[in-house]
Protein backbone atom coordinates (compact mmCIF):
# COMPACT_ATOMS: atom_id res chain seq x y z
CA UNK A 1 128.47 155.37 72.61
CA UNK A 2 125.94 153.65 74.87
CA UNK A 3 123.49 156.05 76.43
CA UNK A 4 122.33 155.47 80.02
CA UNK A 5 118.83 154.06 80.35
CA UNK A 6 116.16 156.68 80.89
CA UNK A 7 113.86 156.52 83.95
CA UNK A 8 111.05 155.34 81.67
CA UNK A 9 113.15 152.46 80.33
CA UNK A 10 114.25 151.52 83.84
CA UNK A 11 110.64 151.52 85.05
CA UNK A 12 109.57 149.37 82.12
CA UNK A 13 112.39 146.91 82.78
CA UNK A 14 111.50 146.75 86.48
CA UNK A 15 107.83 146.18 85.63
CA UNK A 16 108.75 143.37 83.22
CA UNK A 17 111.01 141.74 85.81
CA UNK A 18 108.31 142.00 88.47
CA UNK A 19 105.73 140.53 86.09
CA UNK A 20 107.96 137.56 85.25
CA UNK A 21 108.77 136.96 88.93
CA UNK A 22 105.07 137.13 89.75
CA UNK A 23 104.26 134.51 87.14
CA UNK A 24 106.98 132.22 88.49
CA UNK A 25 105.74 132.57 92.07
CA UNK A 26 102.14 132.06 90.97
CA UNK A 27 103.02 128.86 89.13
CA UNK A 28 104.81 127.62 92.26
CA UNK A 29 101.83 128.46 94.47
CA UNK A 30 99.15 127.03 92.20
CA UNK A 31 100.82 124.00 90.69
CA UNK A 32 103.51 122.84 93.14
CA UNK A 33 102.38 123.91 96.61
CA UNK A 34 98.63 123.69 96.03
CA UNK A 35 98.98 121.05 93.31
CA UNK A 36 95.75 122.08 91.61
CA UNK A 37 94.81 119.72 88.80
CA UNK A 38 97.58 117.20 89.50
CA UNK A 39 96.96 113.67 90.73
CA UNK A 40 97.04 113.65 94.52
CA UNK A 41 95.68 111.24 97.10
CA UNK A 42 93.23 108.42 96.58
CA UNK A 43 89.95 107.78 98.37
CA UNK A 44 90.04 108.59 102.07
CA UNK A 45 87.41 105.90 102.65
CA UNK A 46 89.41 102.91 101.38
CA UNK A 47 92.28 101.59 103.59
CA UNK A 48 94.94 101.77 100.89
CA UNK A 49 98.10 103.85 100.46
CA UNK A 50 100.73 104.15 97.74
CA UNK A 51 104.46 103.99 98.41
CA UNK A 52 106.38 105.96 95.77
CA UNK A 53 110.13 106.20 95.23
CA UNK A 54 111.88 109.00 93.34
CA UNK A 55 115.33 109.21 91.70
CA UNK A 56 116.14 105.55 90.93
CA UNK A 57 117.13 103.05 89.87
CA UNK A 58 120.44 102.95 91.69
CA UNK A 59 122.71 100.92 93.96
CA UNK A 60 120.04 100.92 96.69
CA UNK A 61 117.31 99.49 94.44
CA UNK A 62 118.01 95.79 95.21
CA UNK A 63 117.69 96.47 98.96
CA UNK A 64 114.37 98.24 98.48
CA UNK A 65 113.07 95.44 96.28
CA UNK A 66 114.07 92.86 98.91
CA UNK A 67 112.18 94.72 101.65
CA UNK A 68 109.11 95.14 99.45
CA UNK A 69 109.20 91.45 98.51
CA UNK A 70 109.53 90.38 102.15
CA UNK A 71 106.34 92.30 102.93
CA UNK A 72 104.55 91.40 99.71
CA UNK A 73 104.12 95.10 98.95
CA UNK A 74 103.95 96.72 95.51
CA UNK A 75 105.24 100.25 94.93
CA UNK A 76 105.59 102.92 92.27
CA UNK A 77 109.03 104.07 91.14
CA UNK A 78 109.58 107.41 89.43
CA UNK A 79 112.86 106.97 87.58
CA UNK A 80 115.20 109.34 85.75
CA UNK A 81 116.75 108.80 82.34
CA UNK A 82 120.40 109.03 83.55
CA UNK A 83 119.70 106.52 86.35
CA UNK A 84 118.08 104.10 83.89
CA UNK A 85 121.13 104.32 81.63
CA UNK A 86 123.52 103.85 84.55
CA UNK A 87 121.56 100.97 86.14
CA UNK A 88 119.70 99.05 83.40
CA UNK A 89 119.62 95.92 85.58
CA UNK A 90 117.82 97.88 88.27
CA UNK A 91 115.20 99.05 85.79
CA UNK A 92 114.68 95.49 84.56
CA UNK A 93 114.38 94.30 88.16
CA UNK A 94 111.63 96.85 88.85
CA UNK A 95 109.64 95.61 85.89
CA UNK A 96 110.29 91.95 86.69
CA UNK A 97 109.05 92.41 90.26
CA UNK A 98 105.79 93.87 88.95
CA UNK A 99 106.19 97.37 90.36
CA UNK A 100 104.77 100.39 88.58
CA UNK A 101 107.45 102.40 86.76
CA UNK A 102 106.88 106.05 85.86
CA UNK A 103 108.91 109.11 84.84
CA UNK A 104 110.88 111.56 86.96
CA UNK A 105 112.43 113.28 83.95
CA UNK A 106 115.47 113.29 81.69
CA UNK A 107 117.30 115.39 84.25
CA UNK A 108 116.85 115.76 88.00
CA UNK A 109 116.54 119.48 87.65
CA UNK A 110 113.89 121.96 88.81
CA UNK A 111 111.60 123.13 86.01
CA UNK A 112 112.69 126.75 86.51
CA UNK A 113 116.24 125.74 85.60
CA UNK A 114 115.18 124.40 82.21
CA UNK A 115 114.63 126.25 78.98
CA UNK A 116 111.21 125.64 77.38
CA UNK A 117 112.64 123.16 74.86
CA UNK A 118 114.58 121.38 77.61
CA UNK A 119 111.43 121.09 79.71
CA UNK A 120 109.63 119.64 76.69
CA UNK A 121 112.31 116.93 76.47
CA UNK A 122 112.23 116.50 80.26
CA UNK A 123 108.51 115.75 80.28
CA UNK A 124 108.33 113.84 76.99
CA UNK A 125 110.82 111.21 78.15
CA UNK A 126 109.28 108.14 79.76
CA UNK A 127 110.83 104.75 80.63
CA UNK A 128 107.95 102.94 78.94
CA UNK A 129 106.81 105.51 76.41
CA UNK A 130 105.79 102.76 73.99
CA UNK A 131 103.77 100.90 76.61
CA UNK A 132 100.19 101.25 77.73
CA UNK A 133 99.12 104.37 79.59
CA UNK A 134 98.47 106.28 81.63
CA UNK A 135 101.96 107.74 81.64
CA UNK A 136 102.72 109.62 84.83
CA UNK A 137 105.34 112.31 85.37
CA UNK A 138 106.52 113.58 88.75
CA UNK A 139 108.51 116.80 88.39
CA UNK A 140 111.78 116.86 90.34
CA UNK A 141 111.12 118.64 93.66
CA UNK A 142 107.52 118.93 92.49
CA UNK A 143 108.76 122.06 90.74
CA UNK A 144 106.75 123.80 88.05
CA UNK A 145 107.37 126.49 85.50
CA UNK A 146 104.47 128.37 83.92
CA UNK A 147 104.74 125.88 81.00
CA UNK A 148 104.85 122.59 82.92
CA UNK A 149 101.15 121.74 82.83
CA UNK A 150 100.77 122.76 79.19
CA UNK A 151 103.74 120.64 78.14
CA UNK A 152 102.43 117.70 80.16
CA UNK A 153 99.10 117.97 78.36
CA UNK A 154 100.75 118.18 74.94
CA UNK A 155 102.95 115.14 75.63
CA UNK A 156 100.13 113.06 77.10
CA UNK A 157 101.59 112.99 80.61
CA UNK A 158 99.69 113.22 83.91
CA UNK A 159 101.39 115.05 86.78
CA UNK A 160 101.48 112.91 89.95
CA UNK A 161 102.36 114.48 93.31
CA UNK A 162 102.15 113.22 96.91
CA UNK A 163 100.66 114.21 100.25
CA UNK A 164 103.08 112.65 102.77
CA UNK A 165 106.86 113.15 102.81
CA UNK A 166 109.09 110.59 104.54
CA UNK A 167 111.96 113.11 104.78
CA UNK A 168 114.42 110.31 104.14
CA UNK A 169 116.92 112.83 102.76
CA UNK A 170 117.53 114.14 106.28
CA UNK A 171 119.96 112.68 108.84
CA UNK A 172 117.25 111.52 111.27
CA UNK A 173 117.19 107.81 112.26
CA UNK A 174 114.84 105.40 110.52
CA UNK A 175 112.57 104.94 113.55
CA UNK A 176 111.97 108.69 113.89
CA UNK A 177 111.31 109.07 110.17
CA UNK A 178 108.88 106.16 110.19
CA UNK A 179 107.01 107.59 113.20
CA UNK A 180 106.73 110.98 111.50
CA UNK A 181 105.52 109.41 108.24
CA UNK A 182 102.94 107.18 109.91
CA UNK A 183 101.62 110.10 111.95
CA UNK A 184 100.75 111.93 108.74
CA UNK A 185 99.49 108.95 106.74
CA UNK A 186 95.78 108.41 106.18
CA UNK A 187 93.78 106.14 103.89
CA UNK A 188 94.48 107.25 100.34
CA UNK A 189 97.87 108.79 101.13
CA UNK A 190 100.66 108.88 98.56
CA UNK A 191 103.96 108.60 100.45
CA UNK A 192 107.15 110.07 99.01
CA UNK A 193 110.38 108.13 99.55
CA UNK A 194 113.66 108.11 97.62
CA UNK A 195 115.69 105.39 95.95
CA UNK A 196 119.13 106.37 97.18
CA UNK A 197 119.41 107.40 100.85
CA UNK A 198 121.11 104.87 103.10
CA UNK A 199 118.30 105.07 105.66
CA UNK A 200 115.46 104.27 103.26
CA UNK A 201 115.53 100.43 103.31
CA UNK A 202 115.33 100.34 107.12
CA UNK A 203 112.73 103.11 107.10
CA UNK A 204 110.71 101.19 104.52
CA UNK A 205 110.65 98.02 106.62
CA UNK A 206 109.50 99.88 109.72
CA UNK A 207 106.96 101.81 107.69
CA UNK A 208 105.47 98.68 106.13
CA UNK A 209 105.09 97.08 109.56
CA UNK A 210 103.37 100.20 110.86
CA UNK A 211 101.02 100.36 107.88
CA UNK A 212 100.02 96.74 108.40
CA UNK A 213 99.33 97.39 112.10
CA UNK A 214 97.04 100.26 111.07
CA UNK A 215 95.20 98.14 108.54
CA UNK A 216 96.51 100.10 105.56
CA UNK A 217 97.34 98.13 102.41
CA UNK A 218 100.17 99.33 100.14
CA UNK A 219 99.20 99.39 96.45
CA UNK A 220 100.52 100.93 93.25
CA UNK A 221 99.40 104.39 92.22
CA UNK A 222 97.30 102.90 89.44
CA UNK A 223 95.49 100.69 91.96
CA UNK A 224 95.11 103.55 94.43
CA UNK A 225 93.33 105.58 91.72
CA UNK A 226 94.45 109.03 92.85
CA UNK A 227 92.08 111.87 92.11
CA UNK A 228 92.87 115.30 90.76
CA UNK A 229 93.54 117.90 93.43
CA UNK A 230 90.72 120.41 93.76
CA UNK A 231 90.38 123.74 95.51
CA UNK A 232 89.70 122.42 99.02
CA UNK A 233 92.57 119.93 99.02
CA UNK A 234 94.78 122.47 97.23
CA UNK A 235 94.18 125.02 100.01
CA UNK A 236 95.08 122.41 102.63
CA UNK A 237 98.28 121.55 100.74
CA UNK A 238 99.14 125.23 100.44
CA UNK A 239 98.74 125.75 104.18
CA UNK A 240 100.90 122.70 104.82
CA UNK A 241 103.61 123.94 102.46
CA UNK A 242 103.90 127.46 103.83
CA UNK A 243 102.75 127.01 107.42
CA UNK A 244 99.46 127.26 109.25
């Protein structure tokens, strides 16, 4: 017969649950929202920005490549393993066009939804694992578990985040999204877009025109040379994530 848990056992279980929840929230605050130690923006004194695309390759990739080619702009694509398997021609087209290709994981799943061994596989996968480094990894949603940074270190990956969101997953028109993105873009910014939403090609064209008018040159992340996020920038990111 199962005996009911004693008050001491219940308190111990509650303390353990609270401790685990605290560690999860702390990892979110420190590593996702603040981004401490990850690669963030580049120099604020050089008129360059990096356009980055998550989730591809996919059916929208040829349109994005056409817009980038029309503007003579390089970009960085963070791709997933399922998308690469489903669209091998798109992956080859990214390489052929000279864009930087980095990893977005084996699954498009938040780190907290992965077991430790799954997260190891998530981070270890890279579309050019046999090529020259550095090898960058952008966690889906920017999400972190308490193990993410350790696993990235052990697999030789560098976590790359962003400082400007295009919000192209929303239902706002391209012109409004471009205006919002440009208003938040500064020299050194890393702009997050997605390879998939219907609005993104039009948004990209408007955004590239606006960057040119502001004297900002799009480059790859490698050419931008993003620096690691420190305490001051981390605090600013944290305020931006959870409100001022």
